[in-house]
Amino acid sequence: MYKSIDVKRAFLIFIAACVCVIALLYGVDPQWFARTFLGQATAAGAESLNVSTAHILRAVMGLYLALAAFWLACALTGKHKTTAVLTIMVFAGGLLAGRLLSFAIDGMPEPLLILYAGLEAAVLPLAWWVWRLGE
C-alpha cells in the first residue's frame, strides 16, 4: 500500500529535523531561549538563568541532537528503522509524562511548553502507526 514511499524513513527524517530545531533553540543560547519563550527576565532586563540552568538546557540539546542523529542514521542506512521509531515513542512518551506530571504539580507553564506537550501527544499515535507498518 505504501510502496511508493518509505513511510518509516520519511517519518524518521521529519522527526529528526523537528527535534534538531527544538534542541538548537534550547541550547545554542539558553539565555535568549529563556527570555524569548519562557518570560525569564528580571525587571532590569538582565538574564535570569544561572549557570546550572543553562548547563541543563545545553545537556538537553546534546541529548536531543544525539537521538536525532541516531534516527537520521537509521533512516539513511535503512538499518534499525523499526527500533528507531520505537525510540521516538519512548522519547515523546517520556517527555509527555514528565510534562503532565509537572502540569499537575507545578501548574501551567508558558504557552510554548504547552504546545510541546500537544506535539508530543500527537507524535505518539502517529509513531505507533508507523511502527506497526511492515518493513
N, C-alpha and C. Protein backbone atom coordinates (compact mmCIF):
# COMPACT_ATOMS: atom_id res chain seq x y z
N MET A 1 0.82 -1.19 0.00
CA MET A 1 0.00 0.00 0.00
C MET A 1 0.87 1.26 0.00
N TYR A 2 1.95 1.26 0.76
CA TYR A 2 2.83 2.42 0.87
C TYR A 2 4.15 2.16 0.14
N LYS A 3 4.10 1.44 -0.97
CA LYS A 3 5.32 1.05 -1.66
C LYS A 3 6.00 2.21 -2.37
N SER A 4 5.27 3.24 -2.74
CA SER A 4 5.88 4.35 -3.48
C SER A 4 6.77 5.21 -2.59
N ILE A 5 6.53 5.19 -1.29
CA ILE A 5 7.41 5.92 -0.37
C ILE A 5 7.73 5.02 0.82
N ASP A 6 8.83 5.30 1.43
CA ASP A 6 9.20 4.59 2.64
C ASP A 6 8.72 5.44 3.82
N VAL A 7 7.59 5.08 4.38
CA VAL A 7 6.96 5.88 5.42
C VAL A 7 7.86 5.98 6.66
N LYS A 8 8.46 4.87 7.06
CA LYS A 8 9.34 4.91 8.24
C LYS A 8 10.51 5.84 8.01
N ARG A 9 11.13 5.75 6.85
CA ARG A 9 12.27 6.62 6.55
C ARG A 9 11.85 8.10 6.58
N ALA A 10 10.74 8.41 5.93
CA ALA A 10 10.25 9.80 5.91
C ALA A 10 9.91 10.29 7.31
N PHE A 11 9.27 9.44 8.10
CA PHE A 11 8.91 9.80 9.47
C PHE A 11 10.16 10.07 10.31
N LEU A 12 11.14 9.20 10.20
CA LEU A 12 12.38 9.38 10.97
C LEU A 12 13.09 10.67 10.59
N ILE A 13 13.15 10.97 9.32
CA ILE A 13 13.80 12.21 8.88
C ILE A 13 13.03 13.43 9.37
N PHE A 14 11.72 13.38 9.27
CA PHE A 14 10.89 14.50 9.72
C PHE A 14 11.06 14.74 11.22
N ILE A 15 10.96 13.70 12.02
CA ILE A 15 11.09 13.85 13.48
C ILE A 15 12.50 14.30 13.84
N ALA A 16 13.51 13.76 13.18
CA ALA A 16 14.89 14.18 13.45
C ALA A 16 15.06 15.67 13.17
N ALA A 17 14.51 16.15 12.08
CA ALA A 17 14.61 17.58 11.75
C ALA A 17 13.90 18.44 12.80
N CYS A 18 12.70 18.04 13.19
CA CYS A 18 11.95 18.80 14.21
C CYS A 18 12.70 18.84 15.53
N VAL A 19 13.22 17.70 15.96
CA VAL A 19 13.93 17.64 17.24
C VAL A 19 15.22 18.45 17.18
N CYS A 20 15.89 18.47 16.03
CA CYS A 20 17.10 19.29 15.89
C CYS A 20 16.78 20.77 16.09
N VAL A 21 15.69 21.23 15.49
CA VAL A 21 15.30 22.64 15.65
C VAL A 21 15.03 22.95 17.11
N ILE A 22 14.27 22.10 17.78
CA ILE A 22 13.96 22.32 19.19
C ILE A 22 15.23 22.29 20.03
N ALA A 23 16.10 21.34 19.76
CA ALA A 23 17.37 21.23 20.51
C ALA A 23 18.20 22.49 20.36
N LEU A 24 18.32 22.98 19.15
CA LEU A 24 19.13 24.18 18.93
C LEU A 24 18.50 25.40 19.57
N LEU A 25 17.18 25.47 19.59
CA LEU A 25 16.51 26.57 20.30
C LEU A 25 16.87 26.55 21.78
N TYR A 26 16.86 25.38 22.39
CA TYR A 26 17.19 25.25 23.81
C TYR A 26 18.64 25.62 24.11
N GLY A 27 19.54 25.07 23.30
CA GLY A 27 20.92 25.03 23.74
C GLY A 27 21.91 25.99 23.15
N VAL A 28 21.66 26.53 21.98
CA VAL A 28 22.65 27.44 21.39
C VAL A 28 22.82 28.68 22.25
N ASP A 29 21.71 29.25 22.68
CA ASP A 29 21.76 30.42 23.55
C ASP A 29 20.64 30.30 24.59
N PRO A 30 20.89 29.56 25.68
CA PRO A 30 19.85 29.35 26.67
C PRO A 30 19.27 30.65 27.24
N GLN A 31 20.10 31.67 27.36
CA GLN A 31 19.61 32.96 27.88
C GLN A 31 18.55 33.54 26.94
N TRP A 32 18.83 33.52 25.65
CA TRP A 32 17.87 34.03 24.66
C TRP A 32 16.59 33.20 24.69
N PHE A 33 16.73 31.87 24.75
CA PHE A 33 15.57 31.00 24.78
C PHE A 33 14.68 31.33 25.98
N ALA A 34 15.30 31.47 27.14
CA ALA A 34 14.53 31.75 28.36
C ALA A 34 13.84 33.11 28.27
N ARG A 35 14.56 34.12 27.77
CA ARG A 35 13.96 35.46 27.63
C ARG A 35 12.82 35.44 26.63
N THR A 36 13.04 34.79 25.49
CA THR A 36 12.10 34.84 24.38
C THR A 36 10.86 33.99 24.61
N PHE A 37 11.04 32.78 25.14
CA PHE A 37 9.94 31.84 25.20
C PHE A 37 9.44 31.53 26.61
N LEU A 38 10.23 31.82 27.62
CA LEU A 38 9.84 31.45 28.97
C LEU A 38 9.60 32.63 29.89
N GLY A 39 9.72 33.85 29.35
CA GLY A 39 9.48 35.04 30.15
C GLY A 39 10.45 35.18 31.30
N GLN A 40 11.69 34.74 31.10
CA GLN A 40 12.68 34.73 32.18
C GLN A 40 13.60 35.94 32.13
N ALA A 41 13.12 37.08 32.54
CA ALA A 41 13.98 38.26 32.64
C ALA A 41 13.59 39.02 33.89
N THR A 42 14.56 39.64 34.50
CA THR A 42 14.27 40.44 35.68
C THR A 42 13.70 41.78 35.23
N ALA A 43 13.23 42.56 36.17
CA ALA A 43 12.67 43.88 35.84
C ALA A 43 13.70 44.75 35.15
N ALA A 44 14.99 44.57 35.48
CA ALA A 44 16.05 45.37 34.87
C ALA A 44 16.44 44.82 33.50
N GLY A 45 15.88 43.69 33.10
CA GLY A 45 16.17 43.13 31.79
C GLY A 45 17.38 42.20 31.77
N ALA A 46 17.99 41.94 32.90
CA ALA A 46 19.15 41.05 32.94
C ALA A 46 18.69 39.61 32.79
N GLU A 47 19.56 38.80 32.23
CA GLU A 47 19.22 37.39 32.10
C GLU A 47 19.10 36.76 33.48
N SER A 48 18.11 35.89 33.64
CA SER A 48 17.85 35.32 34.95
C SER A 48 18.31 33.87 35.07
N LEU A 49 18.79 33.28 33.99
CA LEU A 49 19.25 31.90 34.09
C LEU A 49 20.60 31.84 34.77
N ASN A 50 20.72 30.92 35.70
CA ASN A 50 22.04 30.73 36.29
C ASN A 50 22.82 29.71 35.47
N VAL A 51 24.06 29.51 35.81
CA VAL A 51 24.94 28.62 35.05
C VAL A 51 24.38 27.20 35.03
N SER A 52 23.84 26.74 36.14
CA SER A 52 23.32 25.37 36.21
C SER A 52 22.13 25.16 35.29
N THR A 53 21.24 26.13 35.20
CA THR A 53 20.08 26.02 34.32
C THR A 53 20.52 26.04 32.86
N ALA A 54 21.45 26.92 32.52
CA ALA A 54 21.99 26.94 31.15
C ALA A 54 22.66 25.61 30.83
N HIS A 55 23.36 25.05 31.80
CA HIS A 55 24.02 23.76 31.62
C HIS A 55 22.99 22.67 31.30
N ILE A 56 21.89 22.66 32.05
CA ILE A 56 20.84 21.66 31.82
C ILE A 56 20.26 21.81 30.42
N LEU A 57 19.99 23.04 29.99
CA LEU A 57 19.43 23.25 28.65
C LEU A 57 20.41 22.79 27.57
N ARG A 58 21.69 23.01 27.77
CA ARG A 58 22.67 22.56 26.78
C ARG A 58 22.82 21.04 26.81
N ALA A 59 22.71 20.44 27.98
CA ALA A 59 22.75 18.98 28.07
C ALA A 59 21.55 18.38 27.35
N VAL A 60 20.37 18.98 27.54
CA VAL A 60 19.17 18.52 26.83
C VAL A 60 19.38 18.66 25.32
N MET A 61 19.99 19.77 24.89
CA MET A 61 20.30 19.93 23.47
C MET A 61 21.15 18.76 22.99
N GLY A 62 22.19 18.42 23.73
CA GLY A 62 23.06 17.32 23.33
C GLY A 62 22.32 16.00 23.23
N LEU A 63 21.45 15.73 24.19
CA LEU A 63 20.66 14.50 24.16
C LEU A 63 19.73 14.48 22.95
N TYR A 64 19.04 15.57 22.71
CA TYR A 64 18.13 15.65 21.56
C TYR A 64 18.89 15.47 20.25
N LEU A 65 20.04 16.13 20.12
CA LEU A 65 20.82 16.03 18.88
C LEU A 65 21.36 14.61 18.69
N ALA A 66 21.75 13.96 19.77
CA ALA A 66 22.24 12.58 19.67
C ALA A 66 21.12 11.64 19.19
N LEU A 67 19.94 11.80 19.76
CA LEU A 67 18.82 10.96 19.31
C LEU A 67 18.45 11.26 17.86
N ALA A 68 18.43 12.54 17.51
CA ALA A 68 18.12 12.90 16.12
C ALA A 68 19.15 12.32 15.16
N ALA A 69 20.41 12.31 15.55
CA ALA A 69 21.46 11.72 14.70
C ALA A 69 21.23 10.22 14.54
N PHE A 70 20.84 9.55 15.61
CA PHE A 70 20.52 8.12 15.54
C PHE A 70 19.36 7.87 14.59
N TRP A 71 18.29 8.67 14.73
CA TRP A 71 17.12 8.49 13.86
C TRP A 71 17.48 8.75 12.41
N LEU A 72 18.27 9.77 12.16
CA LEU A 72 18.69 10.09 10.80
C LEU A 72 19.57 8.98 10.23
N ALA A 73 20.50 8.47 11.02
CA ALA A 73 21.36 7.38 10.56
C ALA A 73 20.53 6.15 10.22
N CYS A 74 19.54 5.83 11.05
CA CYS A 74 18.67 4.69 10.77
C CYS A 74 17.87 4.91 9.50
N ALA A 75 17.40 6.13 9.29
CA ALA A 75 16.63 6.44 8.08
C ALA A 75 17.49 6.31 6.83
N LEU A 76 18.70 6.83 6.90
CA LEU A 76 19.56 6.87 5.71
C LEU A 76 20.19 5.53 5.39
N THR A 77 20.50 4.73 6.41
CA THR A 77 21.10 3.42 6.16
C THR A 77 20.06 2.35 5.93
N GLY A 78 18.85 2.59 6.40
CA GLY A 78 17.80 1.59 6.27
C GLY A 78 17.86 0.53 7.36
N LYS A 79 18.86 0.62 8.24
CA LYS A 79 19.00 -0.35 9.32
C LYS A 79 18.31 0.16 10.58
N HIS A 80 17.68 -0.75 11.30
CA HIS A 80 17.09 -0.46 12.60
C HIS A 80 15.98 0.61 12.56
N LYS A 81 15.31 0.75 11.42
CA LYS A 81 14.26 1.77 11.33
C LYS A 81 13.13 1.52 12.32
N THR A 82 12.73 0.28 12.47
CA THR A 82 11.64 -0.05 13.38
C THR A 82 12.03 0.27 14.82
N THR A 83 13.26 -0.06 15.19
CA THR A 83 13.76 0.26 16.53
C THR A 83 13.81 1.77 16.72
N ALA A 84 14.25 2.49 15.72
CA ALA A 84 14.32 3.95 15.82
C ALA A 84 12.94 4.55 16.04
N VAL A 85 11.95 4.04 15.34
CA VAL A 85 10.58 4.55 15.55
C VAL A 85 10.11 4.23 16.97
N LEU A 86 10.47 3.06 17.47
CA LEU A 86 10.13 2.71 18.86
C LEU A 86 10.78 3.71 19.83
N THR A 87 12.02 4.10 19.58
CA THR A 87 12.66 5.07 20.47
C THR A 87 11.99 6.43 20.40
N ILE A 88 11.40 6.77 19.28
CA ILE A 88 10.64 8.02 19.19
C ILE A 88 9.42 7.95 20.10
N MET A 89 8.77 6.79 20.15
CA MET A 89 7.63 6.64 21.06
C MET A 89 8.08 6.77 22.51
N VAL A 90 9.20 6.17 22.85
CA VAL A 90 9.72 6.26 24.21
C VAL A 90 10.09 7.71 24.54
N PHE A 91 10.75 8.38 23.60
CA PHE A 91 11.17 9.77 23.77
C PHE A 91 9.95 10.68 23.98
N ALA A 92 9.00 10.64 23.06
CA ALA A 92 7.82 11.51 23.15
C ALA A 92 6.97 11.14 24.37
N GLY A 93 6.81 9.86 24.63
CA GLY A 93 6.02 9.43 25.78
C GLY A 93 6.65 9.84 27.10
N GLY A 94 7.96 9.73 27.20
CA GLY A 94 8.64 10.14 28.42
C GLY A 94 8.55 11.63 28.65
N LEU A 95 8.74 12.40 27.60
CA LEU A 95 8.61 13.85 27.72
C LEU A 95 7.19 14.24 28.12
N LEU A 96 6.21 13.63 27.45
CA LEU A 96 4.81 13.95 27.75
C LEU A 96 4.46 13.58 29.19
N ALA A 97 4.90 12.43 29.65
CA ALA A 97 4.61 12.01 31.02
C ALA A 97 5.20 13.00 32.02
N GLY A 98 6.42 13.42 31.79
CA GLY A 98 7.04 14.41 32.67
C GLY A 98 6.32 15.73 32.65
N ARG A 99 5.90 16.16 31.47
CA ARG A 99 5.16 17.43 31.37
C ARG A 99 3.82 17.35 32.09
N LEU A 100 3.10 16.24 31.89
CA LEU A 100 1.81 16.10 32.55
C LEU A 100 1.96 16.08 34.07
N LEU A 101 3.01 15.43 34.56
CA LEU A 101 3.29 15.45 35.99
C LEU A 101 3.55 16.88 36.46
N SER A 102 4.35 17.61 35.69
CA SER A 102 4.65 18.99 36.04
C SER A 102 3.39 19.86 35.99
N PHE A 103 2.54 19.65 34.99
CA PHE A 103 1.28 20.41 34.94
C PHE A 103 0.48 20.19 36.22
N ALA A 104 0.43 18.94 36.68
CA ALA A 104 -0.36 18.61 37.86
C ALA A 104 0.27 19.17 39.13
N ILE A 105 1.58 19.13 39.24
CA ILE A 105 2.26 19.55 40.47
C ILE A 105 2.57 21.05 40.47
N ASP A 106 3.07 21.55 39.34
CA ASP A 106 3.58 22.92 39.29
C ASP A 106 2.62 23.92 38.69
N GLY A 107 1.60 23.44 37.99
CA GLY A 107 0.68 24.34 37.30
C GLY A 107 1.07 24.50 35.84
N MET A 108 0.40 25.39 35.18
CA MET A 108 0.60 25.56 33.74
C MET A 108 1.82 26.43 33.46
N PRO A 109 2.66 25.98 32.52
CA PRO A 109 3.85 26.74 32.15
C PRO A 109 3.54 27.73 31.03
N GLU A 110 4.60 28.26 30.46
CA GLU A 110 4.46 29.17 29.32
C GLU A 110 3.83 28.43 28.14
N PRO A 111 3.17 29.16 27.23
CA PRO A 111 2.46 28.53 26.11
C PRO A 111 3.33 27.62 25.25
N LEU A 112 4.60 27.95 25.03
CA LEU A 112 5.45 27.09 24.20
C LEU A 112 5.55 25.69 24.78
N LEU A 113 5.64 25.58 26.09
CA LEU A 113 5.77 24.26 26.71
C LEU A 113 4.47 23.48 26.65
N ILE A 114 3.35 24.19 26.65
CA ILE A 114 2.05 23.53 26.46
C ILE A 114 1.96 23.02 25.01
N LEU A 115 2.45 23.84 24.08
CA LEU A 115 2.49 23.40 22.67
C LEU A 115 3.34 22.15 22.52
N TYR A 116 4.50 22.12 23.17
CA TYR A 116 5.36 20.93 23.10
C TYR A 116 4.61 19.69 23.60
N ALA A 117 3.85 19.83 24.68
CA ALA A 117 3.07 18.69 25.20
C ALA A 117 2.06 18.22 24.15
N GLY A 118 1.42 19.17 23.48
CA GLY A 118 0.47 18.81 22.42
C GLY A 118 1.15 18.09 21.27
N LEU A 119 2.33 18.57 20.88
CA LEU A 119 3.08 17.92 19.81
C LEU A 119 3.50 16.51 20.20
N GLU A 120 3.96 16.36 21.44
CA GLU A 120 4.36 15.03 21.91
C GLU A 120 3.17 14.08 21.94
N ALA A 121 2.02 14.59 22.36
CA ALA A 121 0.81 13.78 22.37
C ALA A 121 0.40 13.38 20.96
N ALA A 122 0.61 14.27 20.00
CA ALA A 122 0.26 13.97 18.60
C ALA A 122 1.23 12.98 17.98
N VAL A 123 2.49 13.04 18.37
CA VAL A 123 3.50 12.14 17.81
C VAL A 123 3.25 10.70 18.23
N LEU A 124 2.76 10.49 19.42
CA LEU A 124 2.60 9.12 19.93
C LEU A 124 1.73 8.23 19.04
N PRO A 125 0.50 8.60 18.73
CA PRO A 125 -0.29 7.70 17.87
C PRO A 125 0.27 7.59 16.45
N LEU A 126 0.84 8.67 15.95
CA LEU A 126 1.46 8.62 14.62
C LEU A 126 2.65 7.66 14.62
N ALA A 127 3.49 7.76 15.63
CA ALA A 127 4.65 6.86 15.73
C ALA A 127 4.19 5.41 15.89
N TRP A 128 3.14 5.20 16.67
CA TRP A 128 2.59 3.84 16.84
C TRP A 128 2.17 3.28 15.48
N TRP A 129 1.46 4.08 14.71
CA TRP A 129 1.01 3.65 13.38
C TRP A 129 2.21 3.33 12.48
N VAL A 130 3.20 4.21 12.47
CA VAL A 130 4.40 4.00 11.64
C VAL A 130 5.13 2.74 12.11
N TRP A 131 5.25 2.56 13.41
CA TRP A 131 5.95 1.41 13.97
C TRP A 131 5.29 0.11 13.54
N ARG A 132 3.96 0.13 13.46
CA ARG A 132 3.22 -1.09 13.10
C ARG A 132 3.28 -1.44 11.61
N LEU A 133 3.77 -0.52 10.79
CA LEU A 133 3.89 -0.80 9.37
C LEU A 133 4.93 -1.90 9.13
N GLY A 134 4.70 -2.68 8.12
CA GLY A 134 5.68 -3.71 7.77
C GLY A 134 6.93 -3.07 7.17
N GLU A 135 7.97 -3.84 7.12
CA GLU A 135 9.25 -3.34 6.55
C GLU A 135 9.13 -3.06 5.08
